[in-house]
Amino acid sequence: MTTLQVTQRRSSAGSNKRQLDTLRSLGLRRIGHTVEVKDCEQARGMVHAVRHLVEVRDGASKAGASKAGASKAGAGASGSADKQEQTS
């Protein structure tokens, strides 16, 4: 099943209670926070309700996920650790 990557890009300050509840239902907690939700009608409806606060990208399909993607993610994590050691 495909997923959507939803990232909160704008502050929820000034939003009504219904929009705040929708952000929380999507799993978003703060600006810059990204979650993956199943690509279904309900999720698309929630995203539509707060479209002015979020950014949406197509996520990777679970069947299409490969080890190559996982190794790239691991390389990025070790790269940030190296930067920390250099700055210390």
PDB file of N, CA and C in Angstrom:
ATOM      1  N   MET A   1       0.840  -1.172   0.000  1.00  0.00           N
ATOM      2  CA  MET A   1       0.000   0.000   0.000  1.00  0.00           C
ATOM      3  C   MET A   1       0.891   1.244   0.000  1.00  0.00           C
ATOM      4  N   THR A   2       0.497   2.235  -0.728  1.00  0.00           N
ATOM      5  CA  THR A   2       1.278   3.465  -0.803  1.00  0.00           C
ATOM      6  C   THR A   2       0.987   4.357   0.397  1.00  0.00           C
ATOM      7  N   THR A   3       1.915   5.248   0.646  1.00  0.00           N
ATOM      8  CA  THR A   3       1.769   6.167   1.770  1.00  0.00           C
ATOM      9  C   THR A   3       1.982   7.595   1.299  1.00  0.00           C
ATOM     10  N   LEU A   4       1.585   8.519   2.131  1.00  0.00           N
ATOM     11  CA  LEU A   4       1.825   9.935   1.898  1.00  0.00           C
ATOM     12  C   LEU A   4       2.736  10.444   2.998  1.00  0.00           C
ATOM     13  N   GLN A   5       3.724  11.229   2.638  1.00  0.00           N
ATOM     14  CA  GLN A   5       4.566  11.882   3.627  1.00  0.00           C
ATOM     15  C   GLN A   5       3.998  13.277   3.848  1.00  0.00           C
ATOM     16  N   VAL A   6       3.556  13.542   5.061  1.00  0.00           N
ATOM     17  CA  VAL A   6       2.941  14.818   5.402  1.00  0.00           C
ATOM     18  C   VAL A   6       3.859  15.538   6.374  1.00  0.00           C
ATOM     19  N   THR A   7       4.232  16.781   6.031  1.00  0.00           N
ATOM     20  CA  THR A   7       5.113  17.587   6.859  1.00  0.00           C
ATOM     21  C   THR A   7       4.399  18.873   7.240  1.00  0.00           C
ATOM     22  N   GLN A   8       4.412  19.192   8.534  1.00  0.00           N
ATOM     23  CA  GLN A   8       3.818  20.453   8.968  1.00  0.00           C
ATOM     24  C   GLN A   8       4.806  21.572   8.649  1.00  0.00           C
ATOM     25  N   ARG A   9       4.366  22.560   7.869  1.00  0.00           N
ATOM     26  CA  ARG A   9       5.234  23.653   7.431  1.00  0.00           C
ATOM     27  C   ARG A   9       4.904  24.992   8.079  1.00  0.00           C
ATOM     28  N   ARG A  10       3.673  25.142   8.579  1.00  0.00           N
ATOM     29  CA  ARG A  10       3.277  26.407   9.177  1.00  0.00           C
ATOM     30  C   ARG A  10       2.754  26.167  10.580  1.00  0.00           C
ATOM     31  N   SER A  11       2.784  27.208  11.386  1.00  0.00           N
ATOM     32  CA  SER A  11       2.340  27.121  12.760  1.00  0.00           C
ATOM     33  C   SER A  11       0.834  26.906  12.832  1.00  0.00           C
ATOM     34  N   SER A  12       0.415  26.198  13.866  1.00  0.00           N
ATOM     35  CA  SER A  12      -1.007  25.975  14.079  1.00  0.00           C
ATOM     36  C   SER A  12      -1.634  27.095  14.902  1.00  0.00           C
ATOM     37  N   ALA A  13      -0.843  28.065  15.330  1.00  0.00           N
ATOM     38  CA  ALA A  13      -1.373  29.192  16.098  1.00  0.00           C
ATOM     39  C   ALA A  13      -2.385  29.949  15.239  1.00  0.00           C
ATOM     40  N   GLY A  14      -3.525  30.247  15.810  1.00  0.00           N
ATOM     41  CA  GLY A  14      -4.565  30.943  15.078  1.00  0.00           C
ATOM     42  C   GLY A  14      -5.520  30.024  14.343  1.00  0.00           C
ATOM     43  N   SER A  15      -5.232  28.729  14.337  1.00  0.00           N
ATOM     44  CA  SER A  15      -6.127  27.765  13.685  1.00  0.00           C
ATOM     45  C   SER A  15      -7.286  27.450  14.621  1.00  0.00           C
ATOM     46  N   ASN A  16      -8.412  27.052  14.042  1.00  0.00           N
ATOM     47  CA  ASN A  16      -9.547  26.698  14.893  1.00  0.00           C
ATOM     48  C   ASN A  16      -9.362  25.291  15.472  1.00  0.00           C
ATOM     49  N   LYS A  17     -10.208  24.948  16.434  1.00  0.00           N
ATOM     50  CA  LYS A  17     -10.059  23.676  17.142  1.00  0.00           C
ATOM     51  C   LYS A  17     -10.141  22.482  16.190  1.00  0.00           C
ATOM     52  N   ARG A  18     -10.971  22.583  15.200  1.00  0.00           N
ATOM     53  CA  ARG A  18     -11.135  21.479  14.255  1.00  0.00           C
ATOM     54  C   ARG A  18      -9.834  21.226  13.487  1.00  0.00           C
ATOM     55  N   GLN A  19      -9.149  22.285  13.068  1.00  0.00           N
ATOM     56  CA  GLN A  19      -7.874  22.121  12.358  1.00  0.00           C
ATOM     57  C   GLN A  19      -6.800  21.583  13.292  1.00  0.00           C
ATOM     58  N   LEU A  20      -6.788  22.043  14.544  1.00  0.00           N
ATOM     59  CA  LEU A  20      -5.825  21.530  15.518  1.00  0.00           C
ATOM     60  C   LEU A  20      -6.033  20.031  15.732  1.00  0.00           C
ATOM     61  N   ASP A  21      -7.298  19.628  15.849  1.00  0.00           N
ATOM     62  CA  ASP A  21      -7.610  18.208  16.025  1.00  0.00           C
ATOM     63  C   ASP A  21      -7.193  17.391  14.803  1.00  0.00           C
ATOM     64  N   THR A  22      -7.345  17.965  13.615  1.00  0.00           N
ATOM     65  CA  THR A  22      -6.956  17.272  12.392  1.00  0.00           C
ATOM     66  C   THR A  22      -5.443  17.076  12.338  1.00  0.00           C
ATOM     67  N   LEU A  23      -4.682  18.110  12.694  1.00  0.00           N
ATOM     68  CA  LEU A  23      -3.219  17.972  12.736  1.00  0.00           C
ATOM     69  C   LEU A  23      -2.809  16.873  13.704  1.00  0.00           C
ATOM     70  N   ARG A  24      -3.452  16.850  14.873  1.00  0.00           N
ATOM     71  CA  ARG A  24      -3.121  15.837  15.883  1.00  0.00           C
ATOM     72  C   ARG A  24      -3.497  14.440  15.381  1.00  0.00           C
ATOM     73  N   SER A  25      -4.623  14.328  14.686  1.00  0.00           N
ATOM     74  CA  SER A  25      -5.048  13.029  14.152  1.00  0.00           C
ATOM     75  C   SER A  25      -4.087  12.508  13.089  1.00  0.00           C
ATOM     76  N   LEU A  26      -3.485  13.431  12.349  1.00  0.00           N
ATOM     77  CA  LEU A  26      -2.477  13.033  11.363  1.00  0.00           C
ATOM     78  C   LEU A  26      -1.170  12.639  12.039  1.00  0.00           C
ATOM     79  N   GLY A  27      -1.003  13.013  13.304  1.00  0.00           N
ATOM     80  CA  GLY A  27       0.224  12.683  14.031  1.00  0.00           C
ATOM     81  C   GLY A  27       1.240  13.800  14.023  1.00  0.00           C
ATOM     82  N   LEU A  28       0.855  14.979  13.552  1.00  0.00           N
ATOM     83  CA  LEU A  28       1.779  16.110  13.479  1.00  0.00           C
ATOM     84  C   LEU A  28       1.789  16.863  14.796  1.00  0.00           C
ATOM     85  N   ARG A  29       2.990  17.204  15.272  1.00  0.00           N
ATOM     86  CA  ARG A  29       3.119  17.850  16.571  1.00  0.00           C
ATOM     87  C   ARG A  29       3.776  19.223  16.514  1.00  0.00           C
ATOM     88  N   ARG A  30       4.617  19.459  15.524  1.00  0.00           N
ATOM     89  CA  ARG A  30       5.360  20.725  15.475  1.00  0.00           C
ATOM     90  C   ARG A  30       5.776  21.019  14.041  1.00  0.00           C
ATOM     91  N   ILE A  31       6.215  22.229  13.809  1.00  0.00           N
ATOM     92  CA  ILE A  31       6.683  22.619  12.481  1.00  0.00           C
ATOM     93  C   ILE A  31       7.903  21.777  12.120  1.00  0.00           C
ATOM     94  N   GLY A  32       7.920  21.263  10.911  1.00  0.00           N
ATOM     95  CA  GLY A  32       9.039  20.432  10.451  1.00  0.00           C
ATOM     96  C   GLY A  32       8.858  18.952  10.742  1.00  0.00           C
ATOM     97  N   HIS A  33       7.838  18.591  11.508  1.00  0.00           N
ATOM     98  CA  HIS A  33       7.592  17.199  11.839  1.00  0.00           C
ATOM     99  C   HIS A  33       6.966  16.488  10.639  1.00  0.00           C
ATOM    100  N   THR A  34       7.498  15.332  10.270  1.00  0.00           N
ATOM    101  CA  THR A  34       7.009  14.570   9.126  1.00  0.00           C
ATOM    102  C   THR A  34       6.484  13.220   9.592  1.00  0.00           C
ATOM    103  N   VAL A  35       5.329  12.844   9.070  1.00  0.00           N
ATOM    104  CA  VAL A  35       4.752  11.530   9.359  1.00  0.00           C
ATOM    105  C   VAL A  35       4.346  10.879   8.051  1.00  0.00           C
ATOM    106  N   GLU A  36       4.236   9.561   8.068  1.00  0.00           N
ATOM    107  CA  GLU A  36       3.737   8.825   6.913  1.00  0.00           C
ATOM    108  C   GLU A  36       2.358   8.294   7.261  1.00  0.00           C
ATOM    109  N   VAL A  37       1.407   8.562   6.403  1.00  0.00           N
ATOM    110  CA  VAL A  37       0.038   8.072   6.597  1.00  0.00           C
ATOM    111  C   VAL A  37      -0.363   7.256   5.375  1.00  0.00           C
ATOM    112  N   LYS A  38      -1.250   6.297   5.588  1.00  0.00           N
ATOM    113  CA  LYS A  38      -1.738   5.488   4.473  1.00  0.00           C
ATOM    114  C   LYS A  38      -2.474   6.379   3.485  1.00  0.00           C
ATOM    115  N   ASP A  39      -2.278   6.109   2.214  1.00  0.00           N
ATOM    116  CA  ASP A  39      -2.935   6.875   1.163  1.00  0.00           C
ATOM    117  C   ASP A  39      -4.353   6.338   0.993  1.00  0.00           C
ATOM    118  N   CYS A  40      -5.293   6.933   1.732  1.00  0.00           N
ATOM    119  CA  CYS A  40      -6.692   6.533   1.646  1.00  0.00           C
ATOM    120  C   CYS A  40      -7.550   7.792   1.625  1.00  0.00           C
ATOM    121  N   GLU A  41      -8.815   7.628   1.366  1.00  0.00           N
ATOM    122  CA  GLU A  41      -9.716   8.777   1.260  1.00  0.00           C
ATOM    123  C   GLU A  41      -9.775   9.583   2.547  1.00  0.00           C
ATOM    124  N   GLN A  42      -9.766   8.908   3.689  1.00  0.00           N
ATOM    125  CA  GLN A  42      -9.849   9.594   4.970  1.00  0.00           C
ATOM    126  C   GLN A  42      -8.625  10.467   5.205  1.00  0.00           C
ATOM    127  N   ALA A  43      -7.449   9.921   4.928  1.00  0.00           N
ATOM    128  CA  ALA A  43      -6.210  10.688   5.121  1.00  0.00           C
ATOM    129  C   ALA A  43      -6.154  11.868   4.155  1.00  0.00           C
ATOM    130  N   ARG A  44      -6.567  11.653   2.920  1.00  0.00           N
ATOM    131  CA  ARG A  44      -6.570  12.749   1.944  1.00  0.00           C
ATOM    132  C   ARG A  44      -7.535  13.850   2.364  1.00  0.00           C
ATOM    133  N   GLY A  45      -8.662  13.474   2.962  1.00  0.00           N
ATOM    134  CA  GLY A  45      -9.609  14.462   3.458  1.00  0.00           C
ATOM    135  C   GLY A  45      -9.031  15.280   4.595  1.00  0.00           C
ATOM    136  N   MET A  46      -8.310  14.619   5.504  1.00  0.00           N
ATOM    137  CA  MET A  46      -7.683  15.337   6.613  1.00  0.00           C
ATOM    138  C   MET A  46      -6.608  16.288   6.098  1.00  0.00           C
ATOM    139  N   VAL A  47      -5.822  15.823   5.145  1.00  0.00           N
ATOM    140  CA  VAL A  47      -4.780  16.675   4.573  1.00  0.00           C
ATOM    141  C   VAL A  47      -5.414  17.876   3.868  1.00  0.00           C
ATOM    142  N   HIS A  48      -6.517  17.653   3.185  1.00  0.00           N
ATOM    143  CA  HIS A  48      -7.196  18.738   2.488  1.00  0.00           C
ATOM    144  C   HIS A  48      -7.690  19.806   3.471  1.00  0.00           C
ATOM    145  N   ALA A  49      -8.125  19.382   4.651  1.00  0.00           N
ATOM    146  CA  ALA A  49      -8.660  20.309   5.644  1.00  0.00           C
ATOM    147  C   ALA A  49      -7.580  21.242   6.200  1.00  0.00           C
ATOM    148  N   VAL A  50      -6.324  20.795   6.182  1.00  0.00           N
ATOM    149  CA  VAL A  50      -5.226  21.616   6.723  1.00  0.00           C
ATOM    150  C   VAL A  50      -4.159  21.861   5.653  1.00  0.00           C
ATOM    151  N   ARG A  51      -4.573  21.894   4.400  1.00  0.00           N
ATOM    152  CA  ARG A  51      -3.626  22.007   3.280  1.00  0.00           C
ATOM    153  C   ARG A  51      -2.789  23.283   3.340  1.00  0.00           C
ATOM    154  N   HIS A  52      -3.277  24.315   4.023  1.00  0.00           N
ATOM    155  CA  HIS A  52      -2.531  25.567   4.131  1.00  0.00           C
ATOM    156  C   HIS A  52      -1.440  25.490   5.194  1.00  0.00           C
ATOM    157  N   LEU A  53      -1.413  24.407   5.975  1.00  0.00           N
ATOM    158  CA  LEU A  53      -0.427  24.248   7.044  1.00  0.00           C
ATOM    159  C   LEU A  53       0.603  23.158   6.754  1.00  0.00           C
ATOM    160  N   VAL A  54       0.341  22.312   5.769  1.00  0.00           N
ATOM    161  CA  VAL A  54       1.182  21.132   5.546  1.00  0.00           C
ATOM    162  C   VAL A  54       1.701  21.069   4.112  1.00  0.00           C
ATOM    163  N   GLU A  55       2.694  20.224   3.934  1.00  0.00           N
ATOM    164  CA  GLU A  55       3.243  19.902   2.614  1.00  0.00           C
ATOM    165  C   GLU A  55       3.138  18.390   2.463  1.00  0.00           C
ATOM    166  N   VAL A  56       2.723  17.934   1.290  1.00  0.00           N
ATOM    167  CA  VAL A  56       2.486  16.503   1.072  1.00  0.00           C
ATOM    168  C   VAL A  56       3.353  16.008  -0.071  1.00  0.00           C
ATOM    169  N   ARG A  57       3.977  14.850   0.154  1.00  0.00           N
ATOM    170  CA  ARG A  57       4.744  14.174  -0.888  1.00  0.00           C
ATOM    171  C   ARG A  57       4.318  12.725  -0.914  1.00  0.00           C
ATOM    172  N   ASP A  58       4.468  12.089  -2.064  1.00  0.00           N
ATOM    173  CA  ASP A  58       4.182  10.665  -2.157  1.00  0.00           C
ATOM    174  C   ASP A  58       5.267   9.907  -1.416  1.00  0.00           C
ATOM    175  N   GLY A  59       4.854   9.005  -0.548  1.00  0.00           N
ATOM    176  CA  GLY A  59       5.804   8.171   0.176  1.00  0.00           C
ATOM    177  C   GLY A  59       6.143   6.948  -0.640  1.00  0.00           C
ATOM    178  N   ALA A  60       7.113   6.193  -0.168  1.00  0.00           N
ATOM    179  CA  ALA A  60       7.516   4.969  -0.853  1.00  0.00           C
ATOM    180  C   ALA A  60       6.494   3.878  -0.591  1.00  0.00           C
ATOM    181  N   SER A  61       6.275   3.064  -1.585  1.00  0.00           N
ATOM    182  CA  SER A  61       5.386   1.922  -1.424  1.00  0.00           C
ATOM    183  C   SER A  61       6.071   0.898  -0.539  1.00  0.00           C
ATOM    184  N   LYS A  62       5.317   0.247   0.337  1.00  0.00           N
ATOM    185  CA  LYS A  62       5.913  -0.753   1.214  1.00  0.00           C
ATOM    186  C   LYS A  62       6.498  -1.905   0.416  1.00  0.00           C
ATOM    187  N   ALA A  63       5.843  -2.284  -0.670  1.00  0.00           N
ATOM    188  CA  ALA A  63       6.340  -3.375  -1.499  1.00  0.00           C
ATOM    189  C   ALA A  63       7.586  -2.942  -2.265  1.00  0.00           C
ATOM    190  N   GLY A  64       7.697  -1.655  -2.573  1.00  0.00           N
ATOM    191  CA  GLY A  64       8.816  -1.160  -3.359  1.00  0.00           C
ATOM    192  C   GLY A  64      10.015  -0.742  -2.532  1.00  0.00           C
ATOM    193  N   ALA A  65       9.889  -0.776  -1.216  1.00  0.00           N
ATOM    194  CA  ALA A  65      11.009  -0.372  -0.357  1.00  0.00           C
ATOM    195  C   ALA A  65      12.140  -1.386  -0.505  1.00  0.00           C
ATOM    196  N   SER A  66      13.356  -0.888  -0.540  1.00  0.00           N
ATOM    197  CA  SER A  66      14.494  -1.785  -0.725  1.00  0.00           C
ATOM    198  C   SER A  66      15.563  -1.511   0.317  1.00  0.00           C
ATOM    199  N   LYS A  67      16.538  -2.392   0.372  1.00  0.00           N
ATOM    200  CA  LYS A  67      17.641  -2.212   1.309  1.00  0.00           C
ATOM    201  C   LYS A  67      18.519  -1.032   0.910  1.00  0.00           C
ATOM    202  N   ALA A  68      18.528  -0.680  -0.358  1.00  0.00           N
ATOM    203  CA  ALA A  68      19.336   0.448  -0.821  1.00  0.00           C
ATOM    204  C   ALA A  68      18.881   1.730  -0.138  1.00  0.00           C
ATOM    205  N   GLY A  69      17.591   1.917   0.016  1.00  0.00           N
ATOM    206  CA  GLY A  69      17.060   3.095   0.696  1.00  0.00           C
ATOM    207  C   GLY A  69      17.449   3.094   2.159  1.00  0.00           C
ATOM    208  N   ALA A  70      17.448   1.926   2.780  1.00  0.00           N
ATOM    209  CA  ALA A  70      17.804   1.819   4.192  1.00  0.00           C
ATOM    210  C   ALA A  70      19.284   2.111   4.396  1.00  0.00           C
ATOM    211  N   SER A  71      20.126   1.682   3.457  1.00  0.00           N
ATOM    212  CA  SER A  71      21.550   1.934   3.619  1.00  0.00           C
ATOM    213  C   SER A  71      21.876   3.412   3.444  1.00  0.00           C
ATOM    214  N   LYS A  72      21.139   4.092   2.580  1.00  0.00           N
ATOM    215  CA  LYS A  72      21.347   5.527   2.418  1.00  0.00           C
ATOM    216  C   LYS A  72      20.972   6.266   3.685  1.00  0.00           C
ATOM    217  N   ALA A  73      19.892   5.847   4.336  1.00  0.00           N
ATOM    218  CA  ALA A  73      19.467   6.485   5.574  1.00  0.00           C
ATOM    219  C   ALA A  73      20.521   6.261   6.656  1.00  0.00           C
ATOM    220  N   GLY A  74      21.106   5.081   6.702  1.00  0.00           N
ATOM    221  CA  GLY A  74      22.148   4.798   7.686  1.00  0.00           C
ATOM    222  C   GLY A  74      23.395   5.623   7.444  1.00  0.00           C
ATOM    223  N   ALA A  75      23.736   5.860   6.187  1.00  0.00           N
ATOM    224  CA  ALA A  75      24.915   6.647   5.865  1.00  0.00           C
ATOM    225  C   ALA A  75      24.736   8.091   6.304  1.00  0.00           C
ATOM    226  N   GLY A  76      23.524   8.613   6.174  1.00  0.00           N
ATOM    227  CA  GLY A  76      23.257   9.988   6.583  1.00  0.00           C
ATOM    228  C   GLY A  76      23.389  10.153   8.087  1.00  0.00           C
ATOM    229  N   ALA A  77      22.982   9.140   8.843  1.00  0.00           N
ATOM    230  CA  ALA A  77      23.053   9.217  10.298  1.00  0.00           C
ATOM    231  C   ALA A  77      24.504   9.213  10.760  1.00  0.00           C
ATOM    232  N   SER A  78      25.355   8.395  10.133  1.00  0.00           N
ATOM    233  CA  SER A  78      26.747   8.352  10.549  1.00  0.00           C
ATOM    234  C   SER A  78      27.476   9.617  10.108  1.00  0.00           C
ATOM    235  N   GLY A  79      27.031  10.216   9.017  1.00  0.00           N
ATOM    236  CA  GLY A  79      27.643  11.455   8.553  1.00  0.00           C
ATOM    237  C   GLY A  79      27.436  12.580   9.547  1.00  0.00           C
ATOM    238  N   SER A  80      26.262  12.653  10.181  1.00  0.00           N
ATOM    239  CA  SER A  80      26.018  13.702  11.163  1.00  0.00           C
ATOM    240  C   SER A  80      26.834  13.465  12.427  1.00  0.00           C
ATOM    241  N   ALA A  81      27.088  12.188  12.747  1.00  0.00           N
ATOM    242  CA  ALA A  81      27.910  11.863  13.914  1.00  0.00           C
ATOM    243  C   ALA A  81      29.348  12.340  13.671  1.00  0.00           C
ATOM    244  N   ASP A  82      29.817  12.183  12.415  1.00  0.00           N
ATOM    245  CA  ASP A  82      31.173  12.641  12.088  1.00  0.00           C
ATOM    246  C   ASP A  82      31.282  14.154  12.244  1.00  0.00           C
ATOM    247  N   LYS A  83      30.243  14.890  11.832  1.00  0.00           N
ATOM    248  CA  LYS A  83      30.250  16.341  11.954  1.00  0.00           C
ATOM    249  C   LYS A  83      30.309  16.767  13.411  1.00  0.00           C
ATOM    250  N   GLN A  84      29.621  16.020  14.285  1.00  0.00           N
ATOM    251  CA  GLN A  84      29.632  16.334  15.706  1.00  0.00           C
ATOM    252  C   GLN A  84      31.031  16.173  16.267  1.00  0.00           C
ATOM    253  N   GLU A  85      31.723  15.114  15.869  1.00  0.00           N
ATOM    254  CA  GLU A  85      33.061  14.861  16.370  1.00  0.00           C
ATOM    255  C   GLU A  85      34.030  15.962  15.903  1.00  0.00           C
ATOM    256  N   GLN A  86      33.860  16.442  14.678  1.00  0.00           N
ATOM    257  CA  GLN A  86      34.736  17.480  14.150  1.00  0.00           C
ATOM    258  C   GLN A  86      34.538  18.800  14.872  1.00  0.00           C
ATOM    259  N   THR A  87      33.295  19.119  15.271  1.00  0.00           N
ATOM    260  CA  THR A  87      33.032  20.383  15.929  1.00  0.00           C
ATOM    261  C   THR A  87      33.433  20.363  17.386  1.00  0.00           C
ATOM    262  N   SER A  88      33.583  19.184  17.976  1.00  0.00           N
ATOM    263  CA  SER A  88      33.925  19.091  19.409  1.00  0.00           C
ATOM    264  C   SER A  88      35.368  19.398  19.670  1.00  0.00           C
TER     265      SER A  88
END
